[in-house]
Amino acid sequence: MTQFYIRPETMSEDRVGDEIGPFERFIQLTYNDLRSGPDGDPIAYMDKEGKWRFYCQNPEIYWTDIVIYTK
């Protein structure tokens, strides 16, 4: 089965976050949410300023980009 991974980035500040995963089946990226699995478990959300914040990280840490990939 394919496993998906996520890596947050903010390239304007030359920041690359740690790999998050693996997640099985799929990753769903919508306008404001990043979710995983058949139940749509929340992973991250986009705040009012357009910055991504992950539920598993300090809420003061933000990211501008999300890279989704498989291994």
N, C-alpha and C. Protein backbone atom coordinates (compact mmCIF):
# COMPACT_ATOMS: atom_id res chain seq x y z
N MET A 1 0.85 -1.17 0.00
CA MET A 1 0.00 0.00 0.00
C MET A 1 0.90 1.25 0.00
N THR A 2 0.49 2.23 -0.74
CA THR A 2 1.24 3.48 -0.81
C THR A 2 1.13 4.24 0.50
N GLN A 3 2.25 4.79 0.93
CA GLN A 3 2.26 5.62 2.12
C GLN A 3 2.60 7.05 1.74
N PHE A 4 1.86 7.98 2.30
CA PHE A 4 2.04 9.39 1.99
C PHE A 4 2.72 10.10 3.15
N TYR A 5 3.50 11.10 2.81
CA TYR A 5 4.22 11.91 3.80
C TYR A 5 3.99 13.38 3.48
N ILE A 6 4.17 14.20 4.48
CA ILE A 6 3.98 15.65 4.35
C ILE A 6 5.24 16.33 4.88
N ARG A 7 5.65 17.41 4.21
CA ARG A 7 6.74 18.22 4.72
C ARG A 7 6.34 19.69 4.57
N PRO A 8 6.23 20.42 5.67
CA PRO A 8 5.90 21.85 5.58
C PRO A 8 7.15 22.66 5.24
N GLU A 9 6.96 23.75 4.51
CA GLU A 9 8.07 24.61 4.13
C GLU A 9 7.64 26.07 4.15
N THR A 10 8.59 26.94 4.37
CA THR A 10 8.43 28.38 4.16
C THR A 10 9.71 28.83 3.46
N MET A 11 9.73 28.74 2.15
CA MET A 11 10.95 28.97 1.39
C MET A 11 11.42 30.42 1.44
N SER A 12 10.52 31.37 1.63
CA SER A 12 10.93 32.78 1.72
C SER A 12 11.82 33.03 2.94
N GLU A 13 11.72 32.14 3.93
CA GLU A 13 12.55 32.22 5.13
C GLU A 13 13.55 31.08 5.19
N ASP A 14 13.64 30.31 4.11
CA ASP A 14 14.56 29.18 4.01
C ASP A 14 14.35 28.18 5.16
N ARG A 15 13.06 27.89 5.47
CA ARG A 15 12.72 26.94 6.52
C ARG A 15 12.07 25.71 5.91
N VAL A 16 12.55 24.55 6.32
CA VAL A 16 11.96 23.27 5.90
C VAL A 16 11.67 22.48 7.17
N GLY A 17 10.43 22.06 7.32
CA GLY A 17 10.03 21.33 8.52
C GLY A 17 10.35 19.86 8.45
N ASP A 18 10.10 19.20 9.54
CA ASP A 18 10.31 17.75 9.63
C ASP A 18 9.24 17.01 8.85
N GLU A 19 9.60 15.84 8.38
CA GLU A 19 8.66 14.97 7.70
C GLU A 19 7.58 14.53 8.68
N ILE A 20 6.33 14.53 8.22
CA ILE A 20 5.20 14.09 9.02
C ILE A 20 4.56 12.91 8.29
N GLY A 21 4.35 11.82 8.97
CA GLY A 21 3.77 10.64 8.34
C GLY A 21 4.43 9.39 8.85
N PRO A 22 4.08 8.27 8.32
CA PRO A 22 3.30 8.07 7.10
C PRO A 22 1.79 8.09 7.34
N PHE A 23 1.09 8.38 6.28
CA PHE A 23 -0.36 8.31 6.24
C PHE A 23 -0.73 7.31 5.15
N GLU A 24 -1.73 6.50 5.41
CA GLU A 24 -2.14 5.52 4.41
C GLU A 24 -3.39 5.98 3.68
N ARG A 25 -3.53 5.50 2.48
CA ARG A 25 -4.67 5.72 1.59
C ARG A 25 -4.61 7.04 0.86
N PHE A 26 -4.72 8.18 1.55
CA PHE A 26 -4.70 9.45 0.83
C PHE A 26 -4.52 10.62 1.78
N ILE A 27 -4.18 11.75 1.18
CA ILE A 27 -4.12 13.04 1.87
C ILE A 27 -5.06 13.96 1.11
N GLN A 28 -5.90 14.70 1.81
CA GLN A 28 -6.82 15.64 1.17
C GLN A 28 -6.41 17.06 1.53
N LEU A 29 -6.09 17.85 0.51
CA LEU A 29 -5.74 19.25 0.70
C LEU A 29 -6.84 20.09 0.07
N THR A 30 -7.54 20.86 0.89
CA THR A 30 -8.59 21.75 0.40
C THR A 30 -8.12 23.19 0.59
N TYR A 31 -8.98 24.13 0.40
CA TYR A 31 -8.62 25.54 0.54
C TYR A 31 -8.10 25.88 1.94
N ASN A 32 -8.72 25.29 2.95
CA ASN A 32 -8.40 25.66 4.32
C ASN A 32 -7.98 24.52 5.23
N ASP A 33 -7.98 23.28 4.73
CA ASP A 33 -7.71 22.13 5.59
C ASP A 33 -6.82 21.12 4.90
N LEU A 34 -6.05 20.42 5.72
CA LEU A 34 -5.27 19.27 5.28
C LEU A 34 -5.74 18.11 6.13
N ARG A 35 -6.24 17.04 5.48
CA ARG A 35 -6.84 15.92 6.19
C ARG A 35 -6.29 14.61 5.67
N SER A 36 -6.49 13.55 6.47
CA SER A 36 -5.99 12.23 6.09
C SER A 36 -7.00 11.16 6.43
N GLY A 37 -6.95 10.08 5.67
CA GLY A 37 -7.73 8.89 5.98
C GLY A 37 -9.19 8.98 5.61
N PRO A 38 -9.86 7.87 5.71
CA PRO A 38 -11.27 7.80 5.31
C PRO A 38 -12.20 8.66 6.18
N ASP A 39 -11.77 8.96 7.40
CA ASP A 39 -12.60 9.77 8.29
C ASP A 39 -12.25 11.26 8.20
N GLY A 40 -11.26 11.60 7.38
CA GLY A 40 -10.89 13.00 7.23
C GLY A 40 -10.28 13.61 8.48
N ASP A 41 -9.39 12.86 9.13
CA ASP A 41 -8.76 13.35 10.35
C ASP A 41 -7.95 14.62 10.05
N PRO A 42 -8.14 15.69 10.82
CA PRO A 42 -7.45 16.95 10.54
C PRO A 42 -5.97 16.87 10.88
N ILE A 43 -5.14 17.43 10.00
CA ILE A 43 -3.70 17.48 10.19
C ILE A 43 -3.25 18.93 10.36
N ALA A 44 -3.79 19.82 9.51
CA ALA A 44 -3.39 21.23 9.54
C ALA A 44 -4.54 22.09 9.03
N TYR A 45 -4.43 23.38 9.28
CA TYR A 45 -5.45 24.32 8.80
C TYR A 45 -4.76 25.60 8.35
N MET A 46 -5.42 26.33 7.47
CA MET A 46 -4.91 27.61 7.03
C MET A 46 -5.59 28.70 7.85
N ASP A 47 -4.77 29.58 8.45
CA ASP A 47 -5.34 30.63 9.27
C ASP A 47 -5.83 31.81 8.42
N LYS A 48 -6.33 32.84 9.05
CA LYS A 48 -6.89 33.99 8.34
C LYS A 48 -5.85 34.77 7.54
N GLU A 49 -4.56 34.58 7.88
CA GLU A 49 -3.48 35.27 7.17
C GLU A 49 -2.92 34.44 6.02
N GLY A 50 -3.51 33.26 5.78
CA GLY A 50 -3.06 32.40 4.69
C GLY A 50 -1.84 31.58 5.02
N LYS A 51 -1.62 31.33 6.30
CA LYS A 51 -0.48 30.53 6.74
C LYS A 51 -0.98 29.20 7.28
N TRP A 52 -0.25 28.13 6.96
CA TRP A 52 -0.61 26.80 7.41
C TRP A 52 -0.09 26.57 8.82
N ARG A 53 -0.92 25.98 9.66
CA ARG A 53 -0.54 25.63 11.03
C ARG A 53 -0.95 24.18 11.27
N PHE A 54 -0.02 23.39 11.80
CA PHE A 54 -0.24 21.97 12.03
C PHE A 54 -0.71 21.74 13.46
N TYR A 55 -1.69 20.85 13.62
CA TYR A 55 -2.22 20.54 14.95
C TYR A 55 -1.16 19.87 15.83
N CYS A 56 -0.19 19.19 15.23
CA CYS A 56 0.82 18.46 16.01
C CYS A 56 2.03 19.34 16.36
N GLN A 57 1.97 20.63 16.05
CA GLN A 57 3.07 21.54 16.33
C GLN A 57 2.59 22.71 17.18
N ASN A 58 3.55 23.45 17.70
CA ASN A 58 3.26 24.69 18.41
C ASN A 58 2.43 25.59 17.48
N PRO A 59 1.30 26.13 17.92
CA PRO A 59 0.46 26.95 17.03
C PRO A 59 1.12 28.25 16.58
N GLU A 60 2.22 28.63 17.21
CA GLU A 60 2.92 29.85 16.77
C GLU A 60 3.79 29.60 15.54
N ILE A 61 4.05 28.33 15.22
CA ILE A 61 4.84 27.99 14.04
C ILE A 61 3.91 27.96 12.84
N TYR A 62 4.29 28.67 11.78
CA TYR A 62 3.47 28.69 10.57
C TYR A 62 4.31 28.27 9.37
N TRP A 63 3.62 27.90 8.31
CA TRP A 63 4.25 27.47 7.06
C TRP A 63 3.47 28.06 5.90
N THR A 64 4.14 28.30 4.79
CA THR A 64 3.45 28.83 3.61
C THR A 64 3.16 27.76 2.57
N ASP A 65 3.89 26.64 2.64
CA ASP A 65 3.74 25.59 1.64
C ASP A 65 3.68 24.23 2.31
N ILE A 66 2.99 23.30 1.63
CA ILE A 66 2.91 21.92 2.09
C ILE A 66 3.30 21.04 0.92
N VAL A 67 4.29 20.18 1.13
CA VAL A 67 4.74 19.23 0.12
C VAL A 67 4.17 17.86 0.51
N ILE A 68 3.46 17.24 -0.42
CA ILE A 68 2.89 15.90 -0.21
C ILE A 68 3.60 14.95 -1.16
N TYR A 69 4.10 13.83 -0.62
CA TYR A 69 4.85 12.90 -1.47
C TYR A 69 4.70 11.46 -0.95
N THR A 70 5.15 10.52 -1.76
CA THR A 70 5.12 9.11 -1.38
C THR A 70 6.53 8.56 -1.33
N LYS A 71 6.65 7.44 -0.64
CA LYS A 71 7.94 6.70 -0.60
C LYS A 71 7.70 5.28 -1.04
